[in-house]
PDB file of all heavy atoms in Angstrom:
ATOM      1  N   THR A   1     -61.882 172.438  61.097  1.00  0.00           N
ATOM      2  CA  THR A   1     -61.713 171.657  62.252  1.00  0.00           C
ATOM      3  C   THR A   1     -62.366 170.216  62.071  1.00  0.00           C
ATOM      4  O   THR A   1     -61.788 169.221  62.469  1.00  0.00           O
ATOM      5  CB  THR A   1     -62.213 172.290  63.477  1.00  0.00           C
ATOM      6  OG1 THR A   1     -61.600 173.592  63.731  1.00  0.00           O
ATOM      7  CG2 THR A   1     -61.994 171.445  64.746  1.00  0.00           C
ATOM      8  N   ALA A   2     -63.592 170.288  61.567  1.00  0.00           N
ATOM      9  CA  ALA A   2     -64.335 168.958  61.395  1.00  0.00           C
ATOM     10  C   ALA A   2     -63.616 168.120  60.472  1.00  0.00           C
ATOM     11  O   ALA A   2     -63.542 166.845  60.655  1.00  0.00           O
ATOM     12  CB  ALA A   2     -65.715 169.244  60.830  1.00  0.00           C
ATOM     13  N   THR A   3     -62.996 168.590  59.389  1.00  0.00           N
ATOM     14  CA  THR A   3     -62.222 167.754  58.512  1.00  0.00           C
ATOM     15  C   THR A   3     -60.964 167.207  59.078  1.00  0.00           C
ATOM     16  O   THR A   3     -60.537 166.108  58.827  1.00  0.00           O
ATOM     17  CB  THR A   3     -61.864 168.596  57.233  1.00  0.00           C
ATOM     18  OG1 THR A   3     -63.104 169.094  56.621  1.00  0.00           O
ATOM     19  CG2 THR A   3     -61.226 167.736  56.169  1.00  0.00           C
ATOM     20  N   LEU A   4     -60.312 168.062  59.909  1.00  0.00           N
ATOM     21  CA  LEU A   4     -59.126 167.627  60.542  1.00  0.00           C
ATOM     22  C   LEU A   4     -59.421 166.513  61.417  1.00  0.00           C
ATOM     23  O   LEU A   4     -58.567 165.554  61.549  1.00  0.00           O
ATOM     24  CB  LEU A   4     -58.448 168.775  61.323  1.00  0.00           C
ATOM     25  CG  LEU A   4     -57.641 169.814  60.574  1.00  0.00           C
ATOM     26  CD1 LEU A   4     -57.267 171.010  61.496  1.00  0.00           C
ATOM     27  CD2 LEU A   4     -56.428 169.186  59.972  1.00  0.00           C
ATOM     28  N   SER A   5     -60.491 166.545  62.213  1.00  0.00           N
ATOM     29  CA  SER A   5     -60.825 165.445  63.123  1.00  0.00           C
ATOM     30  C   SER A   5     -61.293 164.171  62.463  1.00  0.00           C
ATOM     31  O   SER A   5     -60.984 163.100  62.875  1.00  0.00           O
ATOM     32  CB  SER A   5     -62.003 165.961  64.107  1.00  0.00           C
ATOM     33  OG  SER A   5     -61.647 167.144  64.778  1.00  0.00           O
ATOM     34  N   ALA A   6     -61.889 164.355  61.286  1.00  0.00           N
ATOM     35  CA  ALA A   6     -62.433 163.174  60.520  1.00  0.00           C
ATOM     36  C   ALA A   6     -61.304 162.469  59.620  1.00  0.00           C
ATOM     37  O   ALA A   6     -61.115 161.286  59.767  1.00  0.00           O
ATOM     38  CB  ALA A   6     -63.624 163.597  59.785  1.00  0.00           C
ATOM     39  N   THR A   7     -60.675 163.302  58.716  1.00  0.00           N
ATOM     40  CA  THR A   7     -59.922 162.701  57.746  1.00  0.00           C
ATOM     41  C   THR A   7     -58.468 163.229  57.697  1.00  0.00           C
ATOM     42  O   THR A   7     -57.573 162.812  57.009  1.00  0.00           O
ATOM     43  CB  THR A   7     -60.479 162.880  56.347  1.00  0.00           C
ATOM     44  OG1 THR A   7     -60.594 164.334  56.085  1.00  0.00           O
ATOM     45  CG2 THR A   7     -61.821 162.173  56.263  1.00  0.00           C
ATOM     46  N   GLY A   8     -58.235 164.230  58.533  1.00  0.00           N
ATOM     47  CA  GLY A   8     -56.855 164.811  58.549  1.00  0.00           C
ATOM     48  C   GLY A   8     -56.745 166.040  57.642  1.00  0.00           C
ATOM     49  O   GLY A   8     -57.719 166.611  57.228  1.00  0.00           O
ATOM     50  N   VAL A   9     -55.483 166.376  57.322  1.00  0.00           N
ATOM     51  CA  VAL A   9     -55.270 167.648  56.484  1.00  0.00           C
ATOM     52  C   VAL A   9     -55.780 167.424  55.108  1.00  0.00           C
ATOM     53  O   VAL A   9     -55.585 166.321  54.536  1.00  0.00           O
ATOM     54  CB  VAL A   9     -53.757 167.939  56.491  1.00  0.00           C
ATOM     55  CG1 VAL A   9     -53.483 169.139  55.557  1.00  0.00           C
ATOM     56  CG2 VAL A   9     -53.265 168.250  57.895  1.00  0.00           C
ATOM     57  N   SER A  10     -56.478 168.405  54.594  1.00  0.00           N
ATOM     58  CA  SER A  10     -57.011 168.282  53.236  1.00  0.00           C
ATOM     59  C   SER A  10     -55.974 168.853  52.225  1.00  0.00           C
ATOM     60  O   SER A  10     -55.473 170.056  52.372  1.00  0.00           O
ATOM     61  CB  SER A  10     -58.275 169.186  53.081  1.00  0.00           C
ATOM     62  OG  SER A  10     -58.748 169.231  51.799  1.00  0.00           O
ATOM     63  N   LEU A  11     -55.630 168.092  51.256  1.00  0.00           N
ATOM     64  CA  LEU A  11     -54.720 168.463  50.212  1.00  0.00           C
ATOM     65  C   LEU A  11     -55.385 169.071  49.018  1.00  0.00           C
ATOM     66  O   LEU A  11     -54.640 169.624  48.123  1.00  0.00           O
ATOM     67  CB  LEU A  11     -53.862 167.231  49.782  1.00  0.00           C
ATOM     68  CG  LEU A  11     -52.977 166.565  50.905  1.00  0.00           C
ATOM     69  CD1 LEU A  11     -52.277 165.357  50.240  1.00  0.00           C
ATOM     70  CD2 LEU A  11     -52.094 167.439  51.530  1.00  0.00           C
ATOM     71  N   SER A  12     -56.737 169.058  48.940  1.00  0.00           N
ATOM     72  CA  SER A  12     -57.475 169.580  47.790  1.00  0.00           C
ATOM     73  C   SER A  12     -57.919 170.928  48.104  1.00  0.00           C
ATOM     74  O   SER A  12     -58.491 171.191  49.222  1.00  0.00           O
ATOM     75  CB  SER A  12     -58.659 168.675  47.508  1.00  0.00           C
ATOM     76  OG  SER A  12     -59.465 169.243  46.542  1.00  0.00           O
ATOM     77  N   PRO A  13     -57.717 171.857  47.226  1.00  0.00           N
ATOM     78  CA  PRO A  13     -58.266 173.277  47.435  1.00  0.00           C
ATOM     79  C   PRO A  13     -59.742 173.352  47.602  1.00  0.00           C
ATOM     80  O   PRO A  13     -60.231 174.255  48.269  1.00  0.00           O
ATOM     81  CB  PRO A  13     -57.817 173.998  46.131  1.00  0.00           C
ATOM     82  CG  PRO A  13     -56.748 173.224  45.573  1.00  0.00           C
ATOM     83  CD  PRO A  13     -56.955 171.726  45.991  1.00  0.00           C
ATOM     84  N   MET A  14     -60.476 172.312  47.164  1.00  0.00           N
ATOM     85  CA  MET A  14     -61.933 172.322  47.356  1.00  0.00           C
ATOM     86  C   MET A  14     -62.323 172.142  48.819  1.00  0.00           C
ATOM     87  O   MET A  14     -63.413 172.528  49.251  1.00  0.00           O
ATOM     88  CB  MET A  14     -62.544 171.101  46.654  1.00  0.00           C
ATOM     89  CG  MET A  14     -62.237 171.245  45.028  1.00  0.00           C
ATOM     90  SD  MET A  14     -63.004 172.769  44.335  1.00  0.00           S
ATOM     91  CE  MET A  14     -64.788 172.401  44.600  1.00  0.00           C
ATOM     92  N   GLY A  15     -61.379 171.588  49.583  1.00  0.00           N
ATOM     93  CA  GLY A  15     -61.701 171.381  51.003  1.00  0.00           C
ATOM     94  C   GLY A  15     -61.109 172.449  51.952  1.00  0.00           C
ATOM     95  O   GLY A  15     -61.191 172.328  53.174  1.00  0.00           O
ATOM     96  N   TRP A  16     -60.507 173.449  51.392  1.00  0.00           N
ATOM     97  CA  TRP A  16     -59.917 174.555  52.199  1.00  0.00           C
ATOM     98  C   TRP A  16     -60.910 175.598  52.624  1.00  0.00           C
ATOM     99  O   TRP A  16     -61.914 175.759  51.950  1.00  0.00           O
ATOM    100  CB  TRP A  16     -58.803 175.196  51.416  1.00  0.00           C
ATOM    101  CG  TRP A  16     -57.608 174.260  51.147  1.00  0.00           C
ATOM    102  CD1 TRP A  16     -57.447 173.049  51.683  1.00  0.00           C
ATOM    103  CD2 TRP A  16     -56.555 174.479  50.244  1.00  0.00           C
ATOM    104  NE1 TRP A  16     -56.319 172.494  51.178  1.00  0.00           N
ATOM    105  CE2 TRP A  16     -55.722 173.349  50.271  1.00  0.00           C
ATOM    106  CE3 TRP A  16     -56.191 175.552  49.438  1.00  0.00           C
ATOM    107  CZ2 TRP A  16     -54.536 173.252  49.492  1.00  0.00           C
ATOM    108  CZ3 TRP A  16     -55.044 175.432  48.564  1.00  0.00           C
ATOM    109  CH2 TRP A  16     -54.270 174.324  48.654  1.00  0.00           C
ATOM    110  N   SER A  17     -60.655 176.245  53.691  1.00  0.00           N
ATOM    111  CA  SER A  17     -61.490 177.282  54.275  1.00  0.00           C
ATOM    112  C   SER A  17     -60.707 178.258  55.072  1.00  0.00           C
ATOM    113  O   SER A  17     -59.647 177.875  55.584  1.00  0.00           O
ATOM    114  CB  SER A  17     -62.692 176.673  55.066  1.00  0.00           C
ATOM    115  OG  SER A  17     -63.319 177.605  55.797  1.00  0.00           O
ATOM    116  N   MET A  18     -61.176 179.474  55.214  1.00  0.00           N
ATOM    117  CA  MET A  18     -60.567 180.459  56.061  1.00  0.00           C
ATOM    118  C   MET A  18     -61.191 180.527  57.482  1.00  0.00           C
ATOM    119  O   MET A  18     -60.998 181.489  58.171  1.00  0.00           O
ATOM    120  CB  MET A  18     -60.711 181.836  55.350  1.00  0.00           C
ATOM    121  CG  MET A  18     -60.072 181.944  54.068  1.00  0.00           C
ATOM    122  SD  MET A  18     -58.245 181.737  54.070  1.00  0.00           S
ATOM    123  CE  MET A  18     -57.829 183.265  54.970  1.00  0.00           C
ATOM    124  N   ASP A  19     -61.960 179.535  57.818  1.00  0.00           N
ATOM    125  CA  ASP A  19     -62.614 179.516  59.127  1.00  0.00           C
ATOM    126  C   ASP A  19     -61.689 179.622  60.214  1.00  0.00           C
ATOM    127  O   ASP A  19     -61.933 180.376  61.257  1.00  0.00           O
ATOM    128  CB  ASP A  19     -63.386 178.281  59.289  1.00  0.00           C
ATOM    129  CG  ASP A  19     -64.672 178.205  58.341  1.00  0.00           C
ATOM    130  OD1 ASP A  19     -65.016 179.300  57.778  1.00  0.00           O
ATOM    131  OD2 ASP A  19     -65.210 177.113  58.159  1.00  0.00           O
ATOM    132  N   ASN A  20     -60.520 178.995  60.232  1.00  0.00           N
ATOM    133  CA  ASN A  20     -59.616 179.087  61.277  1.00  0.00           C
ATOM    134  C   ASN A  20     -59.024 180.467  61.542  1.00  0.00           C
ATOM    135  O   ASN A  20     -58.933 180.949  62.675  1.00  0.00           O
ATOM    136  CB  ASN A  20     -58.472 178.068  61.136  1.00  0.00           C
ATOM    137  CG  ASN A  20     -58.845 176.664  61.259  1.00  0.00           C
ATOM    138  OD1 ASN A  20     -59.615 176.345  62.110  1.00  0.00           O
ATOM    139  ND2 ASN A  20     -58.345 175.787  60.341  1.00  0.00           N
ATOM    140  N   TYR A  21     -58.783 181.202  60.443  1.00  0.00           N
ATOM    141  CA  TYR A  21     -58.297 182.547  60.467  1.00  0.00           C
ATOM    142  C   TYR A  21     -59.347 183.520  60.965  1.00  0.00           C
ATOM    143  O   TYR A  21     -59.114 184.404  61.765  1.00  0.00           O
ATOM    144  CB  TYR A  21     -57.861 183.014  59.160  1.00  0.00           C
ATOM    145  CG  TYR A  21     -56.562 182.306  58.699  1.00  0.00           C
ATOM    146  CD1 TYR A  21     -56.651 181.161  57.842  1.00  0.00           C
ATOM    147  CD2 TYR A  21     -55.295 182.697  59.038  1.00  0.00           C
ATOM    148  CE1 TYR A  21     -55.531 180.490  57.435  1.00  0.00           C
ATOM    149  CE2 TYR A  21     -54.138 181.983  58.617  1.00  0.00           C
ATOM    150  CZ  TYR A  21     -54.294 180.919  57.799  1.00  0.00           C
ATOM    151  OH  TYR A  21     -53.147 180.291  57.368  1.00  0.00           O
ATOM    152  N   ILE A  22     -60.616 183.232  60.649  1.00  0.00           N
ATOM    153  CA  ILE A  22     -61.770 184.047  61.111  1.00  0.00           C
ATOM    154  C   ILE A  22     -61.956 183.877  62.595  1.00  0.00           C
ATOM    155  O   ILE A  22     -62.089 184.865  63.360  1.00  0.00           O
ATOM    156  CB  ILE A  22     -63.000 183.725  60.316  1.00  0.00           C
ATOM    157  CG1 ILE A  22     -62.808 184.080  58.745  1.00  0.00           C
ATOM    158  CG2 ILE A  22     -64.239 184.487  60.926  1.00  0.00           C
ATOM    159  CD1 ILE A  22     -64.075 183.674  57.961  1.00  0.00           C
ATOM    160  N   ARG A  23     -61.961 182.659  63.039  1.00  0.00           N
ATOM    161  CA  ARG A  23     -62.012 182.406  64.431  1.00  0.00           C
ATOM    162  C   ARG A  23     -60.831 182.992  65.292  1.00  0.00           C
ATOM    163  O   ARG A  23     -61.041 183.485  66.377  1.00  0.00           O
ATOM    164  CB  ARG A  23     -62.134 180.872  64.631  1.00  0.00           C
ATOM    165  CG  ARG A  23     -63.386 180.283  64.159  1.00  0.00           C
ATOM    166  CD  ARG A  23     -63.246 178.665  64.254  1.00  0.00           C
ATOM    167  NE  ARG A  23     -62.961 178.311  65.634  1.00  0.00           N
ATOM    168  CZ  ARG A  23     -62.276 177.206  66.006  1.00  0.00           C
ATOM    169  NH1 ARG A  23     -61.793 176.471  65.011  1.00  0.00           N
ATOM    170  NH2 ARG A  23     -62.091 176.964  67.208  1.00  0.00           N
ATOM    171  N   LEU A  24     -59.723 182.882  64.687  1.00  0.00           N
ATOM    172  CA  LEU A  24     -58.506 183.484  65.328  1.00  0.00           C
ATOM    173  C   LEU A  24     -58.656 184.968  65.516  1.00  0.00           C
ATOM    174  O   LEU A  24     -58.266 185.554  66.632  1.00  0.00           O
ATOM    175  CB  LEU A  24     -57.202 183.236  64.436  1.00  0.00           C
ATOM    176  CG  LEU A  24     -55.984 183.687  65.074  1.00  0.00           C
ATOM    177  CD1 LEU A  24     -55.458 182.804  66.222  1.00  0.00           C
ATOM    178  CD2 LEU A  24     -54.828 183.634  63.992  1.00  0.00           C
ATOM    179  N   ILE A  25     -59.169 185.755  64.622  1.00  0.00           N
ATOM    180  CA  ILE A  25     -59.334 187.126  64.751  1.00  0.00           C
ATOM    181  C   ILE A  25     -60.563 187.526  65.630  1.00  0.00           C
ATOM    182  O   ILE A  25     -60.463 188.390  66.417  1.00  0.00           O
ATOM    183  CB  ILE A  25     -59.493 187.715  63.301  1.00  0.00           C
ATOM    184  CG1 ILE A  25     -58.162 187.554  62.556  1.00  0.00           C
ATOM    185  CG2 ILE A  25     -59.905 189.289  63.383  1.00  0.00           C
ATOM    186  CD1 ILE A  25     -58.289 188.019  61.071  1.00  0.00           C
ATOM    187  N   GLU A  26     -61.666 186.747  65.404  1.00  0.00           N
ATOM    188  CA  GLU A  26     -62.925 187.205  66.145  1.00  0.00           C
ATOM    189  C   GLU A  26     -62.984 186.662  67.582  1.00  0.00           C
ATOM    190  O   GLU A  26     -63.586 187.279  68.397  1.00  0.00           O
ATOM    191  CB  GLU A  26     -64.086 186.669  65.393  1.00  0.00           C
ATOM    192  CG  GLU A  26     -64.264 187.310  63.994  1.00  0.00           C
ATOM    193  CD  GLU A  26     -65.522 186.873  63.261  1.00  0.00           C
ATOM    194  OE1 GLU A  26     -66.123 185.874  63.748  1.00  0.00           O
ATOM    195  OE2 GLU A  26     -65.869 187.462  62.258  1.00  0.00           O
ATOM    196  N   GLN A  27     -62.387 185.446  67.871  1.00  0.00           N
ATOM    197  CA  GLN A  27     -62.562 184.753  69.162  1.00  0.00           C
ATOM    198  C   GLN A  27     -61.395 184.936  70.055  1.00  0.00           C
ATOM    199  O   GLN A  27     -61.478 184.492  71.237  1.00  0.00           O
ATOM    200  CB  GLN A  27     -62.910 183.340  68.921  1.00  0.00           C
ATOM    201  CG  GLN A  27     -64.203 183.110  68.117  1.00  0.00           C
ATOM    202  CD  GLN A  27     -64.579 181.662  68.014  1.00  0.00           C
ATOM    203  OE1 GLN A  27     -64.000 180.773  68.585  1.00  0.00           O
ATOM    204  NE2 GLN A  27     -65.482 181.380  67.081  1.00  0.00           N
ATOM    205  N   THR A  28     -60.298 185.452  69.611  1.00  0.00           N
ATOM    206  CA  THR A  28     -59.127 185.595  70.416  1.00  0.00           C
ATOM    207  C   THR A  28     -58.589 187.077  70.332  1.00  0.00           C
ATOM    208  O   THR A  28     -59.086 187.835  69.539  1.00  0.00           O
ATOM    209  CB  THR A  28     -58.032 184.657  69.961  1.00  0.00           C
ATOM    210  OG1 THR A  28     -57.475 185.079  68.702  1.00  0.00           O
ATOM    211  CG2 THR A  28     -58.503 183.217  69.891  1.00  0.00           C
ATOM    212  N   SER A  29     -57.618 187.405  71.172  1.00  0.00           N
ATOM    213  CA  SER A  29     -56.937 188.709  71.082  1.00  0.00           C
ATOM    214  C   SER A  29     -55.722 188.658  70.289  1.00  0.00           C
ATOM    215  O   SER A  29     -54.663 189.396  70.551  1.00  0.00           O
ATOM    216  CB  SER A  29     -56.736 189.148  72.534  1.00  0.00           C
ATOM    217  OG  SER A  29     -55.836 188.219  73.219  1.00  0.00           O
ATOM    218  N   PHE A  30     -55.633 187.844  69.271  1.00  0.00           N
ATOM    219  CA  PHE A  30     -54.406 187.625  68.519  1.00  0.00           C
ATOM    220  C   PHE A  30     -53.898 188.904  67.866  1.00  0.00           C
ATOM    221  O   PHE A  30     -52.710 189.153  67.764  1.00  0.00           O
ATOM    222  CB  PHE A  30     -54.582 186.566  67.525  1.00  0.00           C
ATOM    223  CG  PHE A  30     -53.232 185.925  67.149  1.00  0.00           C
ATOM    224  CD1 PHE A  30     -52.699 184.923  68.044  1.00  0.00           C
ATOM    225  CD2 PHE A  30     -52.576 186.155  65.993  1.00  0.00           C
ATOM    226  CE1 PHE A  30     -51.460 184.349  67.653  1.00  0.00           C
ATOM    227  CE2 PHE A  30     -51.458 185.594  65.635  1.00  0.00           C
ATOM    228  CZ  PHE A  30     -50.794 184.665  66.491  1.00  0.00           C
ATOM    229  N   LEU A  31     -54.808 189.736  67.322  1.00  0.00           N
ATOM    230  CA  LEU A  31     -54.416 190.965  66.705  1.00  0.00           C
ATOM    231  C   LEU A  31     -53.727 191.958  67.717  1.00  0.00           C
ATOM    232  O   LEU A  31     -52.774 192.562  67.404  1.00  0.00           O
ATOM    233  CB  LEU A  31     -55.611 191.674  66.087  1.00  0.00           C
ATOM    234  CG  LEU A  31     -56.154 191.015  64.833  1.00  0.00           C
ATOM    235  CD1 LEU A  31     -57.360 191.822  64.328  1.00  0.00           C
ATOM    236  CD2 LEU A  31     -55.085 190.778  63.726  1.00  0.00           C
ATOM    237  N   LYS A  32     -54.278 192.025  68.941  1.00  0.00           N
ATOM    238  CA  LYS A  32     -53.638 192.810  69.951  1.00  0.00           C
ATOM    239  C   LYS A  32     -52.225 192.158  70.268  1.00  0.00           C
ATOM    240  O   LYS A  32     -51.272 192.964  70.644  1.00  0.00           O
ATOM    241  CB  LYS A  32     -54.517 192.801  71.183  1.00  0.00           C
ATOM    242  CG  LYS A  32     -54.213 193.936  72.206  1.00  0.00           C
ATOM    243  CD  LYS A  32     -53.337 193.382  73.330  1.00  0.00           C
ATOM    244  CE  LYS A  32     -53.034 194.414  74.373  1.00  0.00           C
ATOM    245  NZ  LYS A  32     -52.127 193.875  75.469  1.00  0.00           N
ATOM    246  N   ASN A  33     -52.162 190.910  70.342  1.00  0.00           N
ATOM    247  CA  ASN A  33     -50.875 190.231  70.665  1.00  0.00           C
ATOM    248  C   ASN A  33     -49.873 190.548  69.508  1.00  0.00           C
ATOM    249  O   ASN A  33     -48.639 190.733  69.747  1.00  0.00           O
ATOM    250  CB  ASN A  33     -51.050 188.757  70.737  1.00  0.00           C
ATOM    251  CG  ASN A  33     -52.019 188.341  71.867  1.00  0.00           C
ATOM    252  OD1 ASN A  33     -52.859 187.423  71.662  1.00  0.00           O
ATOM    253  ND2 ASN A  33     -52.009 189.086  72.999  1.00  0.00           N
ATOM    254  N   MET A  34     -50.368 190.565  68.202  1.00  0.00           N
ATOM    255  CA  MET A  34     -49.491 190.980  67.154  1.00  0.00           C
ATOM    256  C   MET A  34     -48.955 192.416  67.304  1.00  0.00           C
ATOM    257  O   MET A  34     -47.779 192.670  67.071  1.00  0.00           O
ATOM    258  CB  MET A  34     -50.178 190.806  65.826  1.00  0.00           C
ATOM    259  CG  MET A  34     -50.471 189.357  65.373  1.00  0.00           C
ATOM    260  SD  MET A  34     -49.040 188.605  64.625  1.00  0.00           S
ATOM    261  CE  MET A  34     -48.991 189.575  63.102  1.00  0.00           C
ATOM    262  N   LEU A  35     -49.817 193.298  67.732  1.00  0.00           N
ATOM    263  CA  LEU A  35     -49.375 194.628  68.002  1.00  0.00           C
ATOM    264  C   LEU A  35     -48.392 194.702  69.127  1.00  0.00           C
ATOM    265  O   LEU A  35     -47.365 195.448  68.995  1.00  0.00           O
ATOM    266  CB  LEU A  35     -50.648 195.524  68.302  1.00  0.00           C
ATOM    267  CG  LEU A  35     -50.323 196.933  68.625  1.00  0.00           C
ATOM    268  CD1 LEU A  35     -49.739 197.631  67.339  1.00  0.00           C
ATOM    269  CD2 LEU A  35     -51.615 197.754  69.053  1.00  0.00           C
ATOM    270  N   ASP A  36     -48.552 194.012  70.200  1.00  0.00           N
ATOM    271  CA  ASP A  36     -47.571 193.925  71.210  1.00  0.00           C
ATOM    272  C   ASP A  36     -46.176 193.452  70.700  1.00  0.00           C
ATOM    273  O   ASP A  36     -45.190 194.013  71.061  1.00  0.00           O
ATOM    274  CB  ASP A  36     -47.988 192.985  72.290  1.00  0.00           C
ATOM    275  CG  ASP A  36     -49.186 193.487  73.099  1.00  0.00           C
ATOM    276  OD1 ASP A  36     -49.404 194.724  73.156  1.00  0.00           O
ATOM    277  OD2 ASP A  36     -49.985 192.731  73.745  1.00  0.00           O
TER     278      ASP A  36
END
């Protein structure tokens, strides 16, 4: 998120992270929605 706000989408694998997916699973009910 910090990179998106500052410079936009990162095209380099060095700037990639799974943080958004971790937050999606831990902070939302998305897995339950997937099951629905």
